[in-house]
Amino acid sequence: MHRLRQATLSFLGCLLLGLSGCTAGSPLPGLIRSIYVEEPSGVPTPDLAQYAAVIHDTSVRVLVERGYVAAMEPATADAFLHAVWIARPAIAGTPQGRVTLQMTLVSRNGVVLRVLDIVTDTPAGFLSRERISDHIREKLGTIRL
């Protein structure tokens, strides 16, 4: 009976040791200090194109307030912030389609760190510089790396 207990404990020990490697998360891509903010892409209408400067400037301000350095050149950045507009076509009887502004933070080696929906499925006509800026401050201000 004594050997059965040792065999059982040895088996459980090996099993736990073997499974512990499965629970380890993927390694972090490194320390992120500087982020390069790219201009928004995928602008579905000329009306939304006018908000590119607001999106860029507000994103830079929020990141600097969070303690990151706004990289002036992509070569000096540890990560990149991509902003993309996603449009859903207008439905019959409605004046405009709905849009989503999504931001993706990607490390230098291509690992996606965060995906944030800044504006979610909103009629394009309801957006203004102030509203977009408020959404960016609210959602992007929550990132922690």
Protein backbone atom coordinates (compact mmCIF):
# COMPACT_ATOMS: atom_id res chain seq x y z
CA MET A 1 0.00 0.00 0.00
CA HIS A 2 2.92 2.30 0.73
CA ARG A 3 4.21 1.93 -2.83
CA LEU A 4 0.78 2.62 -4.29
CA ARG A 5 0.68 5.97 -2.47
CA GLN A 6 4.17 6.88 -3.74
CA ALA A 7 3.27 5.86 -7.27
CA THR A 8 0.06 7.91 -7.14
CA LEU A 9 1.83 10.98 -5.77
CA SER A 10 4.59 10.66 -8.36
CA PHE A 11 2.04 10.35 -11.15
CA LEU A 12 0.08 13.39 -9.93
CA GLY A 13 3.28 15.39 -9.52
CA CYS A 14 4.39 14.61 -13.07
CA LEU A 15 0.91 15.37 -14.38
CA LEU A 16 0.79 18.76 -12.63
CA LEU A 17 4.28 19.61 -13.76
CA GLY A 18 3.40 18.72 -17.33
CA LEU A 19 0.15 20.67 -17.31
CA SER A 20 1.69 23.76 -15.71
CA GLY A 21 3.38 24.56 -19.03
CA CYS A 22 -0.04 24.68 -20.69
CA THR A 23 -1.31 27.42 -18.39
CA ALA A 24 1.59 29.79 -18.88
CA GLY A 25 0.57 32.79 -20.97
CA SER A 26 2.42 33.96 -24.01
CA PRO A 27 5.35 36.21 -23.23
CA LEU A 28 4.79 39.94 -23.40
CA PRO A 29 6.21 41.61 -26.48
CA GLY A 30 8.49 43.79 -24.36
CA LEU A 31 8.21 47.12 -22.69
CA ILE A 32 6.11 49.60 -24.67
CA ARG A 33 7.31 53.18 -24.15
CA SER A 34 6.75 54.90 -27.48
CA ILE A 35 3.73 54.57 -29.76
CA TYR A 36 3.41 55.82 -33.33
CA VAL A 37 -0.14 56.99 -34.09
CA GLU A 38 -1.08 56.43 -37.72
CA GLU A 39 -3.62 58.41 -39.69
CA PRO A 40 -7.07 56.77 -39.86
CA SER A 41 -7.77 54.59 -42.87
CA GLY A 42 -10.87 53.24 -44.56
CA VAL A 43 -12.77 56.55 -44.53
CA PRO A 44 -16.13 55.73 -46.15
CA THR A 45 -17.29 59.32 -46.76
CA PRO A 46 -15.69 62.73 -47.28
CA ASP A 47 -17.56 63.98 -44.19
CA LEU A 48 -15.65 61.53 -42.00
CA ALA A 49 -12.32 62.42 -43.63
CA GLN A 50 -12.47 65.81 -41.90
CA TYR A 51 -12.11 64.06 -38.52
CA ALA A 52 -8.68 62.55 -39.28
CA ALA A 53 -6.77 65.33 -37.50
CA VAL A 54 -9.04 65.14 -34.44
CA ILE A 55 -8.58 61.38 -34.19
CA HIS A 56 -4.80 61.65 -34.52
CA ASP A 57 -4.34 64.63 -32.17
CA THR A 58 -6.65 63.33 -29.45
CA SER A 59 -5.03 59.89 -29.58
CA VAL A 60 -1.57 61.42 -29.17
CA ARG A 61 -2.73 63.57 -26.24
CA VAL A 62 -4.35 60.63 -24.46
CA LEU A 63 -1.29 58.41 -24.89
CA VAL A 64 1.05 61.15 -23.62
CA GLU A 65 -1.24 61.69 -20.60
CA ARG A 66 -1.01 57.92 -19.93
CA GLY A 67 2.80 58.19 -19.81
CA TYR A 68 3.73 57.00 -23.30
CA VAL A 69 5.96 58.85 -25.73
CA ALA A 70 4.39 59.81 -29.04
CA ALA A 71 6.91 58.60 -31.61
CA MET A 72 7.43 61.02 -34.49
CA GLU A 73 8.73 58.32 -36.84
CA PRO A 74 7.66 54.68 -37.16
CA ALA A 75 11.28 53.54 -36.88
CA THR A 76 11.54 54.85 -33.30
CA ALA A 77 8.27 53.34 -32.03
CA ASP A 78 7.81 50.28 -29.84
CA ALA A 79 4.18 49.94 -30.99
CA PHE A 80 1.73 51.36 -33.53
CA LEU A 81 -1.83 52.60 -33.11
CA HIS A 82 -3.92 51.90 -36.22
CA ALA A 83 -7.32 53.59 -36.59
CA VAL A 84 -9.76 52.31 -39.19
CA TRP A 85 -13.29 53.27 -40.12
CA ILE A 86 -15.67 50.39 -40.80
CA ALA A 87 -18.89 51.31 -42.63
CA ARG A 88 -22.16 49.47 -42.84
CA PRO A 89 -24.21 50.49 -45.87
CA ALA A 90 -27.38 52.53 -45.52
CA ILE A 91 -30.61 50.60 -45.13
CA ALA A 92 -33.56 51.57 -47.30
CA GLY A 93 -35.46 54.44 -45.71
CA THR A 94 -32.52 55.71 -43.63
CA PRO A 95 -30.47 58.75 -44.62
CA GLN A 96 -27.01 57.38 -43.82
CA GLY A 97 -25.10 54.23 -43.11
CA ARG A 98 -23.64 53.40 -39.74
CA VAL A 99 -19.93 53.53 -38.95
CA THR A 100 -17.51 52.08 -36.41
CA LEU A 101 -14.12 53.52 -35.55
CA GLN A 102 -11.78 50.78 -34.39
CA MET A 103 -8.27 51.27 -33.01
CA THR A 104 -5.72 48.49 -32.83
CA LEU A 105 -2.50 48.71 -30.83
CA VAL A 106 0.16 46.50 -32.41
CA SER A 107 3.68 45.89 -31.10
CA ARG A 108 6.72 46.29 -33.33
CA ASN A 109 6.87 42.52 -33.93
CA GLY A 110 3.21 42.36 -35.04
CA VAL A 111 1.54 41.13 -31.84
CA VAL A 112 -1.91 42.68 -31.38
CA LEU A 113 -1.93 44.19 -27.89
CA ARG A 114 -5.40 45.77 -27.79
CA VAL A 115 -8.40 46.25 -30.07
CA LEU A 116 -10.74 49.08 -29.08
CA ASP A 117 -14.07 50.01 -30.65
CA ILE A 118 -14.04 53.78 -30.21
CA VAL A 119 -17.27 54.56 -32.05
CA THR A 120 -19.61 51.62 -32.39
CA ASP A 121 -22.29 51.29 -35.08
CA THR A 122 -23.27 54.97 -35.03
CA PRO A 123 -24.97 56.95 -37.82
CA ALA A 124 -22.27 59.05 -39.46
CA GLY A 125 -24.45 62.16 -39.21
CA PHE A 126 -24.43 61.99 -35.40
CA LEU A 127 -20.67 62.35 -35.19
CA SER A 128 -18.88 65.61 -34.47
CA ARG A 129 -15.32 66.55 -33.57
CA GLU A 130 -16.24 66.83 -29.90
CA ARG A 131 -18.12 63.54 -29.79
CA ILE A 132 -15.30 61.62 -31.47
CA SER A 133 -12.74 63.25 -29.19
CA ASP A 134 -14.80 62.32 -26.10
CA HIS A 135 -15.07 58.69 -27.25
CA ILE A 136 -11.31 58.48 -27.83
CA ARG A 137 -10.54 59.93 -24.37
CA GLU A 138 -12.97 57.50 -22.75
CA LYS A 139 -11.92 54.28 -24.52
CA LEU A 140 -8.23 54.86 -25.28
CA GLY A 141 -7.68 56.26 -21.80
CA THR A 142 -8.29 52.80 -20.32
CA ILE A 143 -5.27 51.07 -21.89
CA ARG A 144 -2.57 49.72 -19.62
CA LEU A 145 0.43 47.88 -20.96
